[in-house]
Amino acid sequence: MTLPIGTILEEDELLTNIEDYASSLQVDAILVLGGGVPLSPKDPPTYVKRRCDVVAKLINAFQEQTNDTSAPSVVCLSAGTAHLPQYITRHNGLPLWESTASAAYLMQLGIPETNIFVETTSYDTISNAFFTRSSFTDINGWRRLLVVTNEFHIYRTKAIFDWIFSVPSAEGGPTTNYELFYLSCNNVGLSNEAVEARRSHEKRGEKNVVENLSKQYKTLKSVLGFLTTNHDFYAANKLVRQSMGDGNEKRSGDLLKLSYGQKSSGGSSSRSSVIQFQDGKIVVSLYSLVFVCLVVMGLYFSRRSYYLHNKES
């Protein structure tokens, strides 16, 4: 079986004929995209788990064919998402990278930790592609790659990775010789409404990549220039304004946020915001302050009434 470069494989087709595809793919590395806020340090969102589950089955098929433990490297992508705050670990107060949760989950599935790498710099699909190429594939000489995400994300992902992995490093530089293949996993763990909201968002992004960005930024160096001057998470001036609360922050709809791992509202957010740390100080919400004052006043008048009653008697 010979696969044309750029083929998009569907999960069901792959799993039905996994031995054949394991033989024909023979990739150097598998890139597993992150997709939203983890539920715990070993628990990425359900739809990201699906990506990992399918990758684990494919790696097992690779190993069975070679009768040893050799298998492609797996690079888990993404530091976080631009649409939601990051998961903060309780034991040290540091962010949990999305790629770390994916790596932990893959290890639980039995993938050797020596085969797993994490990319911890990117916050969207364009930076996924850029930092994977600049930090891993260019350096390691990995040229035949399988890019894994869900169906709602696959077409924009393909447009971006085809663009980033085809441009030369600089003007007049040698052309790349990457061979990219794509795996579209089933959409699980999201409502139909959330999936449709995400598809609409991705379709707009894909159009912008194909019609504008890929035509304007034609070298890896110019893509870096785009990230460091125009991107909310990489441009110094934008990051400074955001840190001061002065940036024009883009707000995403609730359905779109659900497709990036936000939990459904259930009152937990209000409880978690009772006490916060801001600028190195403990900040107590007005509601909790009023509640404490009412409790103190109630105790005071109760004790005062008790004292007067005993004094009169």
C-alpha atoms as a PDB file:
ATOM      1  CA  MET A   1       0.000   0.000   0.000  1.00  0.00           C
ATOM      2  CA  THR A   2       1.451   3.358  -1.060  1.00  0.00           C
ATOM      3  CA  LEU A   3       0.037   6.517   0.506  1.00  0.00           C
ATOM      4  CA  PRO A   4       0.264   9.805  -1.382  1.00  0.00           C
ATOM      5  CA  ILE A   5       1.942  12.592   0.588  1.00  0.00           C
ATOM      6  CA  GLY A   6      -0.688  14.734   2.266  1.00  0.00           C
ATOM      7  CA  THR A   7      -3.196  11.897   2.691  1.00  0.00           C
ATOM      8  CA  ILE A   8      -5.785  12.380   5.434  1.00  0.00           C
ATOM      9  CA  LEU A   9      -6.535   9.037   7.075  1.00  0.00           C
ATOM     10  CA  GLU A  10      -9.757   8.588   8.996  1.00  0.00           C
ATOM     11  CA  GLU A  11      -9.643   6.789  12.329  1.00  0.00           C
ATOM     12  CA  ASP A  12     -12.079   4.027  11.400  1.00  0.00           C
ATOM     13  CA  GLU A  13     -10.234   3.239   8.170  1.00  0.00           C
ATOM     14  CA  LEU A  14      -6.890   3.166   9.953  1.00  0.00           C
ATOM     15  CA  LEU A  15      -8.039   0.858  12.745  1.00  0.00           C
ATOM     16  CA  THR A  16      -9.766  -1.516  10.325  1.00  0.00           C
ATOM     17  CA  ASN A  17      -6.529  -1.982   8.373  1.00  0.00           C
ATOM     18  CA  ILE A  18      -3.977  -1.026  11.006  1.00  0.00           C
ATOM     19  CA  GLU A  19      -1.356  -3.628  10.051  1.00  0.00           C
ATOM     20  CA  ASP A  20      -1.342  -2.432   6.434  1.00  0.00           C
ATOM     21  CA  TYR A  21      -1.069   1.217   7.440  1.00  0.00           C
ATOM     22  CA  ALA A  22       1.639   0.518   9.998  1.00  0.00           C
ATOM     23  CA  SER A  23       3.641  -1.091   7.202  1.00  0.00           C
ATOM     24  CA  SER A  24       3.057   1.650   4.638  1.00  0.00           C
ATOM     25  CA  LEU A  25       3.425   4.731   6.850  1.00  0.00           C
ATOM     26  CA  GLN A  26       6.863   4.053   8.363  1.00  0.00           C
ATOM     27  CA  VAL A  27       7.058   7.581   9.745  1.00  0.00           C
ATOM     28  CA  ASP A  28       9.945   9.094  11.700  1.00  0.00           C
ATOM     29  CA  ALA A  29       7.675  10.810  14.204  1.00  0.00           C
ATOM     30  CA  ILE A  30       4.029  11.166  15.181  1.00  0.00           C
ATOM     31  CA  LEU A  31       2.838  14.630  16.192  1.00  0.00           C
ATOM     32  CA  VAL A  32      -0.117  14.625  18.614  1.00  0.00           C
ATOM     33  CA  LEU A  33      -1.714  18.057  18.811  1.00  0.00           C
ATOM     34  CA  GLY A  34      -2.988  19.374  22.114  1.00  0.00           C
ATOM     35  CA  GLY A  35      -6.534  20.581  22.230  1.00  0.00           C
ATOM     36  CA  GLY A  36      -7.602  22.198  25.461  1.00  0.00           C
ATOM     37  CA  VAL A  37      -7.284  22.476  29.215  1.00  0.00           C
ATOM     38  CA  PRO A  38      -6.441  19.131  30.900  1.00  0.00           C
ATOM     39  CA  LEU A  39      -8.774  17.706  33.526  1.00  0.00           C
ATOM     40  CA  SER A  40      -5.818  16.596  35.662  1.00  0.00           C
ATOM     41  CA  PRO A  41      -2.041  16.108  35.219  1.00  0.00           C
ATOM     42  CA  LYS A  42      -2.676  12.697  33.592  1.00  0.00           C
ATOM     43  CA  ASP A  43      -6.037  13.449  32.056  1.00  0.00           C
ATOM     44  CA  PRO A  44      -6.241  15.506  28.832  1.00  0.00           C
ATOM     45  CA  PRO A  45      -9.659  16.357  27.355  1.00  0.00           C
ATOM     46  CA  THR A  46     -11.666  13.385  26.088  1.00  0.00           C
ATOM     47  CA  TYR A  47     -11.138  14.212  22.422  1.00  0.00           C
ATOM     48  CA  VAL A  48      -7.355  14.498  22.975  1.00  0.00           C
ATOM     49  CA  LYS A  49      -7.412  11.132  24.731  1.00  0.00           C
ATOM     50  CA  ARG A  50      -8.946   9.748  21.557  1.00  0.00           C
ATOM     51  CA  ARG A  51      -5.937  10.983  19.580  1.00  0.00           C
ATOM     52  CA  CYS A  52      -3.608   9.314  22.083  1.00  0.00           C
ATOM     53  CA  ASP A  53      -5.612   6.070  22.105  1.00  0.00           C
ATOM     54  CA  VAL A  54      -5.367   5.702  18.331  1.00  0.00           C
ATOM     55  CA  VAL A  55      -1.671   6.609  18.326  1.00  0.00           C
ATOM     56  CA  ALA A  56      -0.980   3.979  20.993  1.00  0.00           C
ATOM     57  CA  LYS A  57      -2.687   1.314  18.873  1.00  0.00           C
ATOM     58  CA  LEU A  58      -0.687   2.375  15.833  1.00  0.00           C
ATOM     59  CA  ILE A  59       2.607   2.247  17.748  1.00  0.00           C
ATOM     60  CA  ASN A  60       1.751  -1.221  19.045  1.00  0.00           C
ATOM     61  CA  ALA A  61       1.179  -2.286  15.430  1.00  0.00           C
ATOM     62  CA  PHE A  62       4.576  -0.837  14.456  1.00  0.00           C
ATOM     63  CA  GLN A  63       6.249  -2.804  17.252  1.00  0.00           C
ATOM     64  CA  GLU A  64       4.498  -6.063  16.376  1.00  0.00           C
ATOM     65  CA  GLN A  65       5.752  -5.809  12.809  1.00  0.00           C
ATOM     66  CA  THR A  66       9.364  -5.228  13.841  1.00  0.00           C
ATOM     67  CA  ASN A  67       9.263  -7.737  16.732  1.00  0.00           C
ATOM     68  CA  ASP A  68      11.031  -5.309  19.036  1.00  0.00           C
ATOM     69  CA  THR A  69      10.426  -2.068  20.864  1.00  0.00           C
ATOM     70  CA  SER A  70      11.429   0.236  18.013  1.00  0.00           C
ATOM     71  CA  ALA A  71       8.735   2.711  17.065  1.00  0.00           C
ATOM     72  CA  PRO A  72       8.414   6.277  15.818  1.00  0.00           C
ATOM     73  CA  SER A  73       9.021   9.098  18.252  1.00  0.00           C
ATOM     74  CA  VAL A  74       5.863  10.768  19.554  1.00  0.00           C
ATOM     75  CA  VAL A  75       5.864  14.518  20.070  1.00  0.00           C
ATOM     76  CA  CYS A  76       2.984  15.862  22.166  1.00  0.00           C
ATOM     77  CA  LEU A  77       2.297  19.460  21.231  1.00  0.00           C
ATOM     78  CA  SER A  78       1.066  22.612  22.989  1.00  0.00           C
ATOM     79  CA  ALA A  79       1.755  24.591  26.122  1.00  0.00           C
ATOM     80  CA  GLY A  80      -1.824  25.801  26.379  1.00  0.00           C
ATOM     81  CA  THR A  81      -4.688  27.391  24.524  1.00  0.00           C
ATOM     82  CA  ALA A  82      -5.182  31.057  23.781  1.00  0.00           C
ATOM     83  CA  HIS A  83      -8.898  30.765  24.542  1.00  0.00           C
ATOM     84  CA  LEU A  84      -8.807  29.671  28.206  1.00  0.00           C
ATOM     85  CA  PRO A  85      -6.698  30.082  31.375  1.00  0.00           C
ATOM     86  CA  GLN A  86      -4.239  27.284  32.035  1.00  0.00           C
ATOM     87  CA  TYR A  87      -4.523  24.477  34.535  1.00  0.00           C
ATOM     88  CA  ILE A  88      -2.423  25.328  37.611  1.00  0.00           C
ATOM     89  CA  THR A  89      -1.028  22.414  39.600  1.00  0.00           C
ATOM     90  CA  ARG A  90      -1.813  22.515  43.310  1.00  0.00           C
ATOM     91  CA  HIS A  91       1.488  21.183  44.639  1.00  0.00           C
ATOM     92  CA  ASN A  92       3.708  23.871  43.095  1.00  0.00           C
ATOM     93  CA  GLY A  93       1.426  26.531  41.609  1.00  0.00           C
ATOM     94  CA  LEU A  94       2.933  26.128  38.129  1.00  0.00           C
ATOM     95  CA  PRO A  95       1.080  25.718  34.820  1.00  0.00           C
ATOM     96  CA  LEU A  96       0.395  22.211  33.553  1.00  0.00           C
ATOM     97  CA  TRP A  97       1.288  22.104  29.856  1.00  0.00           C
ATOM     98  CA  GLU A  98      -1.279  20.423  27.643  1.00  0.00           C
ATOM     99  CA  SER A  99       1.508  18.370  26.111  1.00  0.00           C
ATOM    100  CA  THR A 100       2.521  17.108  29.563  1.00  0.00           C
ATOM    101  CA  ALA A 101      -0.954  15.707  30.212  1.00  0.00           C
ATOM    102  CA  SER A 102      -0.950  14.020  26.793  1.00  0.00           C
ATOM    103  CA  ALA A 103       2.494  12.527  27.471  1.00  0.00           C
ATOM    104  CA  ALA A 104       1.394  11.224  30.874  1.00  0.00           C
ATOM    105  CA  TYR A 105      -1.687   9.634  29.337  1.00  0.00           C
ATOM    106  CA  LEU A 106       0.386   7.955  26.602  1.00  0.00           C
ATOM    107  CA  MET A 107       2.725   6.557  29.249  1.00  0.00           C
ATOM    108  CA  GLN A 108      -0.292   5.090  31.046  1.00  0.00           C
ATOM    109  CA  LEU A 109      -1.184   3.372  27.765  1.00  0.00           C
ATOM    110  CA  GLY A 110       2.208   1.688  27.761  1.00  0.00           C
ATOM    111  CA  ILE A 111       4.140   3.854  25.318  1.00  0.00           C
ATOM    112  CA  PRO A 112       7.807   3.911  26.434  1.00  0.00           C
ATOM    113  CA  GLU A 113       8.721   7.262  27.929  1.00  0.00           C
ATOM    114  CA  THR A 114      11.947   7.222  25.898  1.00  0.00           C
ATOM    115  CA  ASN A 115       9.794   7.534  22.754  1.00  0.00           C
ATOM    116  CA  ILE A 116       7.805  10.533  24.007  1.00  0.00           C
ATOM    117  CA  PHE A 117       8.731  14.201  23.729  1.00  0.00           C
ATOM    118  CA  VAL A 118       6.826  17.334  24.742  1.00  0.00           C
ATOM    119  CA  GLU A 119       6.693  20.673  22.951  1.00  0.00           C
ATOM    120  CA  THR A 120       5.933  23.374  25.534  1.00  0.00           C
ATOM    121  CA  THR A 121       6.049  26.677  23.655  1.00  0.00           C
ATOM    122  CA  SER A 122       2.972  26.813  21.412  1.00  0.00           C
ATOM    123  CA  TYR A 123      -0.483  28.200  22.112  1.00  0.00           C
ATOM    124  CA  ASP A 124      -2.269  27.646  18.802  1.00  0.00           C
ATOM    125  CA  THR A 125      -1.984  25.550  15.659  1.00  0.00           C
ATOM    126  CA  ILE A 126       0.360  27.920  13.802  1.00  0.00           C
ATOM    127  CA  SER A 127       2.822  27.943  16.684  1.00  0.00           C
ATOM    128  CA  ASN A 128       2.304  24.157  17.047  1.00  0.00           C
ATOM    129  CA  ALA A 129       3.710  23.749  13.563  1.00  0.00           C
ATOM    130  CA  PHE A 130       6.416  26.420  13.857  1.00  0.00           C
ATOM    131  CA  PHE A 131       7.927  25.269  17.147  1.00  0.00           C
ATOM    132  CA  THR A 132       7.662  21.584  16.246  1.00  0.00           C
ATOM    133  CA  ARG A 133       9.684  22.200  13.118  1.00  0.00           C
ATOM    134  CA  SER A 134      12.209  24.620  14.645  1.00  0.00           C
ATOM    135  CA  SER A 135      12.693  22.687  17.905  1.00  0.00           C
ATOM    136  CA  PHE A 136      12.354  19.054  16.847  1.00  0.00           C
ATOM    137  CA  THR A 137      12.034  17.960  13.236  1.00  0.00           C
ATOM    138  CA  ASP A 138      14.625  20.227  11.590  1.00  0.00           C
ATOM    139  CA  ILE A 139      17.161  19.384  14.294  1.00  0.00           C
ATOM    140  CA  ASN A 140      16.486  15.642  14.533  1.00  0.00           C
ATOM    141  CA  GLY A 141      16.190  15.092  10.811  1.00  0.00           C
ATOM    142  CA  TRP A 142      12.667  13.701  11.101  1.00  0.00           C
ATOM    143  CA  ARG A 143      11.176  14.183   7.654  1.00  0.00           C
ATOM    144  CA  ARG A 144       8.323  11.689   7.357  1.00  0.00           C
ATOM    145  CA  LEU A 145       5.631  12.755   9.824  1.00  0.00           C
ATOM    146  CA  LEU A 146       2.111  11.792  10.882  1.00  0.00           C
ATOM    147  CA  VAL A 147       0.068  14.697  12.268  1.00  0.00           C
ATOM    148  CA  VAL A 148      -2.808  13.650  14.553  1.00  0.00           C
ATOM    149  CA  THR A 149      -5.887  15.637  15.592  1.00  0.00           C
ATOM    150  CA  ASN A 150      -9.697  15.365  15.489  1.00  0.00           C
ATOM    151  CA  GLU A 151     -11.962  15.744  12.481  1.00  0.00           C
ATOM    152  CA  PHE A 152     -13.216  19.199  13.509  1.00  0.00           C
ATOM    153  CA  HIS A 153      -9.604  20.443  13.450  1.00  0.00           C
ATOM    154  CA  ILE A 154      -8.013  18.431  10.658  1.00  0.00           C
ATOM    155  CA  TYR A 155      -8.437  20.704   7.627  1.00  0.00           C
ATOM    156  CA  ARG A 156      -7.066  23.860   9.225  1.00  0.00           C
ATOM    157  CA  THR A 157      -4.273  21.764  10.725  1.00  0.00           C
ATOM    158  CA  LYS A 158      -3.365  20.401   7.307  1.00  0.00           C
ATOM    159  CA  ALA A 159      -3.375  23.889   5.761  1.00  0.00           C
ATOM    160  CA  ILE A 160      -1.069  25.186   8.497  1.00  0.00           C
ATOM    161  CA  PHE A 161       1.378  22.265   8.616  1.00  0.00           C
ATOM    162  CA  ASP A 162       1.573  22.079   4.807  1.00  0.00           C
ATOM    163  CA  TRP A 163       2.473  25.794   4.818  1.00  0.00           C
ATOM    164  CA  ILE A 164       4.966  25.817   7.711  1.00  0.00           C
ATOM    165  CA  PHE A 165       6.743  22.620   6.676  1.00  0.00           C
ATOM    166  CA  SER A 166       7.103  23.631   3.020  1.00  0.00           C
ATOM    167  CA  VAL A 167       8.729  27.059   3.360  1.00  0.00           C
ATOM    168  CA  PRO A 168      12.550  27.435   3.343  1.00  0.00           C
ATOM    169  CA  SER A 169      14.245  28.670   6.496  1.00  0.00           C
ATOM    170  CA  ALA A 170      15.230  31.939   4.821  1.00  0.00           C
ATOM    171  CA  GLU A 171      14.945  33.690   1.478  1.00  0.00           C
ATOM    172  CA  GLY A 172      16.847  31.731  -1.162  1.00  0.00           C
ATOM    173  CA  GLY A 173      17.389  28.774   1.156  1.00  0.00           C
ATOM    174  CA  PRO A 174      16.971  25.153   0.102  1.00  0.00           C
ATOM    175  CA  THR A 175      13.502  23.740  -0.219  1.00  0.00           C
ATOM    176  CA  THR A 176      12.319  21.317   2.433  1.00  0.00           C
ATOM    177  CA  ASN A 177      11.825  17.633   1.835  1.00  0.00           C
ATOM    178  CA  TYR A 178       9.145  16.887   4.380  1.00  0.00           C
ATOM    179  CA  GLU A 179       6.518  14.203   3.789  1.00  0.00           C
ATOM    180  CA  LEU A 180       3.423  14.851   5.866  1.00  0.00           C
ATOM    181  CA  PHE A 181       0.465  12.557   6.470  1.00  0.00           C
ATOM    182  CA  TYR A 182      -2.596  13.295   8.589  1.00  0.00           C
ATOM    183  CA  LEU A 183      -4.813  11.269  10.911  1.00  0.00           C
ATOM    184  CA  SER A 184      -8.344  12.478  11.586  1.00  0.00           C
ATOM    185  CA  CYS A 185      -9.698  11.006  14.826  1.00  0.00           C
ATOM    186  CA  ASN A 186     -13.382  10.834  15.651  1.00  0.00           C
ATOM    187  CA  ASN A 187     -15.013  13.720  17.501  1.00  0.00           C
ATOM    188  CA  VAL A 188     -15.806  12.456  20.997  1.00  0.00           C
ATOM    189  CA  GLY A 189     -16.549  14.137  24.294  1.00  0.00           C
ATOM    190  CA  LEU A 190     -18.199  17.225  22.803  1.00  0.00           C
ATOM    191  CA  SER A 191     -21.814  18.132  22.116  1.00  0.00           C
ATOM    192  CA  ASN A 192     -22.935  18.477  18.515  1.00  0.00           C
ATOM    193  CA  GLU A 193     -23.351  22.215  19.098  1.00  0.00           C
ATOM    194  CA  ALA A 194     -19.793  22.572  20.391  1.00  0.00           C
ATOM    195  CA  VAL A 195     -18.414  20.603  17.435  1.00  0.00           C
ATOM    196  CA  GLU A 196     -20.302  22.801  14.960  1.00  0.00           C
ATOM    197  CA  ALA A 197     -19.050  25.961  16.683  1.00  0.00           C
ATOM    198  CA  ARG A 198     -15.514  24.647  16.466  1.00  0.00           C
ATOM    199  CA  ARG A 199     -15.874  23.634  12.801  1.00  0.00           C
ATOM    200  CA  SER A 200     -17.077  27.132  11.957  1.00  0.00           C
ATOM    201  CA  HIS A 201     -14.127  28.658  13.819  1.00  0.00           C
ATOM    202  CA  GLU A 202     -11.667  26.321  12.118  1.00  0.00           C
ATOM    203  CA  LYS A 203     -13.104  26.980   8.673  1.00  0.00           C
ATOM    204  CA  ARG A 204     -12.541  30.723   9.051  1.00  0.00           C
ATOM    205  CA  GLY A 205      -9.003  30.081  10.232  1.00  0.00           C
ATOM    206  CA  GLU A 206      -8.276  27.711   7.354  1.00  0.00           C
ATOM    207  CA  LYS A 207      -9.430  30.311   4.841  1.00  0.00           C
ATOM    208  CA  ASN A 208      -7.160  32.940   6.385  1.00  0.00           C
ATOM    209  CA  VAL A 209      -4.176  30.591   6.199  1.00  0.00           C
ATOM    210  CA  VAL A 210      -4.771  29.579   2.582  1.00  0.00           C
ATOM    211  CA  GLU A 211      -5.728  32.989   1.208  1.00  0.00           C
ATOM    212  CA  ASN A 212      -3.553  35.308   3.301  1.00  0.00           C
ATOM    213  CA  LEU A 213      -0.917  34.013   5.703  1.00  0.00           C
ATOM    214  CA  SER A 214       0.690  31.360   3.487  1.00  0.00           C
ATOM    215  CA  LYS A 215       0.977  33.868   0.646  1.00  0.00           C
ATOM    216  CA  GLN A 216       2.402  36.636   2.802  1.00  0.00           C
ATOM    217  CA  TYR A 217       4.904  34.701   4.946  1.00  0.00           C
ATOM    218  CA  LYS A 218       7.002  32.504   2.674  1.00  0.00           C
ATOM    219  CA  THR A 219      10.013  31.667   4.863  1.00  0.00           C
ATOM    220  CA  LEU A 220      10.376  30.279   8.361  1.00  0.00           C
ATOM    221  CA  LYS A 221      12.104  33.514   9.348  1.00  0.00           C
ATOM    222  CA  SER A 222       9.142  35.597   8.177  1.00  0.00           C
ATOM    223  CA  VAL A 223       6.761  33.306  10.102  1.00  0.00           C
ATOM    224  CA  LEU A 224       8.810  34.042  13.221  1.00  0.00           C
ATOM    225  CA  GLY A 225       8.454  37.735  12.420  1.00  0.00           C
ATOM    226  CA  PHE A 226       4.685  37.291  12.176  1.00  0.00           C
ATOM    227  CA  LEU A 227       4.544  35.534  15.543  1.00  0.00           C
ATOM    228  CA  THR A 228       6.733  38.071  17.353  1.00  0.00           C
ATOM    229  CA  THR A 229       4.952  41.135  15.979  1.00  0.00           C
ATOM    230  CA  ASN A 230       1.315  40.101  15.438  1.00  0.00           C
ATOM    231  CA  HIS A 231       0.566  37.176  17.732  1.00  0.00           C
ATOM    232  CA  ASP A 232      -1.078  37.841  21.110  1.00  0.00           C
ATOM    233  CA  PHE A 233       1.115  35.237  22.844  1.00  0.00           C
ATOM    234  CA  TYR A 234       4.487  36.081  21.259  1.00  0.00           C
ATOM    235  CA  ALA A 235       4.550  39.821  20.478  1.00  0.00           C
ATOM    236  CA  ALA A 236       6.259  41.628  23.374  1.00  0.00           C
ATOM    237  CA  ASN A 237       4.082  44.745  23.200  1.00  0.00           C
ATOM    238  CA  LYS A 238       0.863  42.712  23.246  1.00  0.00           C
ATOM    239  CA  LEU A 239       2.021  40.539  26.112  1.00  0.00           C
ATOM    240  CA  VAL A 240       2.959  43.612  28.163  1.00  0.00           C
ATOM    241  CA  ARG A 241      -0.439  45.230  27.564  1.00  0.00           C
ATOM    242  CA  GLN A 242      -2.230  42.007  28.473  1.00  0.00           C
ATOM    243  CA  SER A 243      -0.231  41.688  31.689  1.00  0.00           C
ATOM    244  CA  MET A 244      -1.368  45.210  32.630  1.00  0.00           C
ATOM    245  CA  GLY A 245      -4.981  44.468  31.725  1.00  0.00           C
ATOM    246  CA  ASP A 246      -4.805  47.004  28.898  1.00  0.00           C
ATOM    247  CA  GLY A 247      -4.976  44.613  25.932  1.00  0.00           C
ATOM    248  CA  ASN A 248      -7.977  44.214  23.690  1.00  0.00           C
ATOM    249  CA  GLU A 249      -8.554  40.615  24.687  1.00  0.00           C
ATOM    250  CA  LYS A 250     -10.467  38.498  22.222  1.00  0.00           C
ATOM    251  CA  ARG A 251     -13.487  36.847  23.771  1.00  0.00           C
ATOM    252  CA  SER A 252     -14.615  33.442  22.575  1.00  0.00           C
ATOM    253  CA  GLY A 253     -18.191  32.187  22.671  1.00  0.00           C
ATOM    254  CA  ASP A 254     -19.229  29.650  25.301  1.00  0.00           C
ATOM    255  CA  LEU A 255     -19.659  26.814  22.791  1.00  0.00           C
ATOM    256  CA  LEU A 256     -16.216  27.469  21.327  1.00  0.00           C
ATOM    257  CA  LYS A 257     -14.697  27.481  24.816  1.00  0.00           C
ATOM    258  CA  LEU A 258     -16.320  24.113  25.513  1.00  0.00           C
ATOM    259  CA  SER A 259     -14.515  22.741  22.456  1.00  0.00           C
ATOM    260  CA  TYR A 260     -11.218  23.823  24.059  1.00  0.00           C
ATOM    261  CA  GLY A 261     -11.820  21.992  27.322  1.00  0.00           C
ATOM    262  CA  GLN A 262     -13.784  24.477  29.422  1.00  0.00           C
ATOM    263  CA  LYS A 263     -16.058  22.704  31.863  1.00  0.00           C
ATOM    264  CA  SER A 264     -19.776  23.392  31.778  1.00  0.00           C
ATOM    265  CA  SER A 265     -20.814  26.037  34.282  1.00  0.00           C
ATOM    266  CA  GLY A 266     -21.886  24.600  37.569  1.00  0.00           C
ATOM    267  CA  GLY A 267     -21.045  27.212  40.156  1.00  0.00           C
ATOM    268  CA  SER A 268     -17.466  26.071  40.674  1.00  0.00           C
ATOM    269  CA  SER A 269     -16.022  29.154  39.056  1.00  0.00           C
ATOM    270  CA  SER A 270     -17.648  31.460  41.552  1.00  0.00           C
ATOM    271  CA  ARG A 271     -16.394  29.362  44.447  1.00  0.00           C
ATOM    272  CA  SER A 272     -12.873  29.327  43.080  1.00  0.00           C
ATOM    273  CA  SER A 273     -12.851  33.101  42.799  1.00  0.00           C
ATOM    274  CA  VAL A 274     -13.697  33.786  46.444  1.00  0.00           C
ATOM    275  CA  ILE A 275     -10.000  34.151  47.266  1.00  0.00           C
ATOM    276  CA  GLN A 276      -7.439  34.981  44.597  1.00  0.00           C
ATOM    277  CA  PHE A 277      -3.798  36.005  44.379  1.00  0.00           C
ATOM    278  CA  GLN A 278      -3.222  39.204  42.435  1.00  0.00           C
ATOM    279  CA  ASP A 279       0.062  41.116  42.204  1.00  0.00           C
ATOM    280  CA  GLY A 280       1.441  39.084  45.098  1.00  0.00           C
ATOM    281  CA  LYS A 281      -1.493  39.940  47.411  1.00  0.00           C
ATOM    282  CA  ILE A 282      -4.458  37.932  48.660  1.00  0.00           C
ATOM    283  CA  VAL A 283      -7.663  39.373  47.232  1.00  0.00           C
ATOM    284  CA  VAL A 284     -10.985  38.412  48.840  1.00  0.00           C
ATOM    285  CA  SER A 285     -14.190  38.774  46.836  1.00  0.00           C
ATOM    286  CA  LEU A 286     -16.850  41.263  47.970  1.00  0.00           C
ATOM    287  CA  TYR A 287     -19.419  38.484  48.417  1.00  0.00           C
ATOM    288  CA  SER A 288     -17.217  36.523  50.788  1.00  0.00           C
ATOM    289  CA  LEU A 289     -16.350  39.690  52.719  1.00  0.00           C
ATOM    290  CA  VAL A 290     -20.037  40.550  53.183  1.00  0.00           C
ATOM    291  CA  PHE A 291     -20.746  36.982  54.281  1.00  0.00           C
ATOM    292  CA  VAL A 292     -17.980  37.083  56.895  1.00  0.00           C
ATOM    293  CA  CYS A 293     -19.219  40.461  58.195  1.00  0.00           C
ATOM    294  CA  LEU A 294     -22.769  39.128  58.553  1.00  0.00           C
ATOM    295  CA  VAL A 295     -21.551  36.069  60.437  1.00  0.00           C
ATOM    296  CA  VAL A 296     -19.446  38.215  62.790  1.00  0.00           C
ATOM    297  CA  MET A 297     -22.326  40.623  63.392  1.00  0.00           C
ATOM    298  CA  GLY A 298     -24.679  37.723  64.029  1.00  0.00           C
ATOM    299  CA  LEU A 299     -22.312  36.225  66.573  1.00  0.00           C
ATOM    300  CA  TYR A 300     -21.817  39.620  68.236  1.00  0.00           C
ATOM    301  CA  PHE A 301     -25.520  40.356  68.688  1.00  0.00           C
ATOM    302  CA  SER A 302     -26.205  36.794  69.758  1.00  0.00           C
ATOM    303  CA  ARG A 303     -23.559  36.982  72.464  1.00  0.00           C
ATOM    304  CA  ARG A 304     -24.732  40.477  73.494  1.00  0.00           C
ATOM    305  CA  SER A 305     -28.341  39.299  73.806  1.00  0.00           C
ATOM    306  CA  TYR A 306     -27.221  36.319  75.857  1.00  0.00           C
ATOM    307  CA  TYR A 307     -25.151  38.577  78.164  1.00  0.00           C
ATOM    308  CA  LEU A 308     -28.015  41.065  78.751  1.00  0.00           C
ATOM    309  CA  HIS A 309     -30.464  38.296  79.406  1.00  0.00           C
ATOM    310  CA  ASN A 310     -28.226  36.724  82.063  1.00  0.00           C
ATOM    311  CA  LYS A 311     -27.536  40.147  83.641  1.00  0.00           C
ATOM    312  CA  GLU A 312     -31.254  40.938  84.014  1.00  0.00           C
ATOM    313  CA  SER A 313     -31.963  37.580  85.565  1.00  0.00           C
END
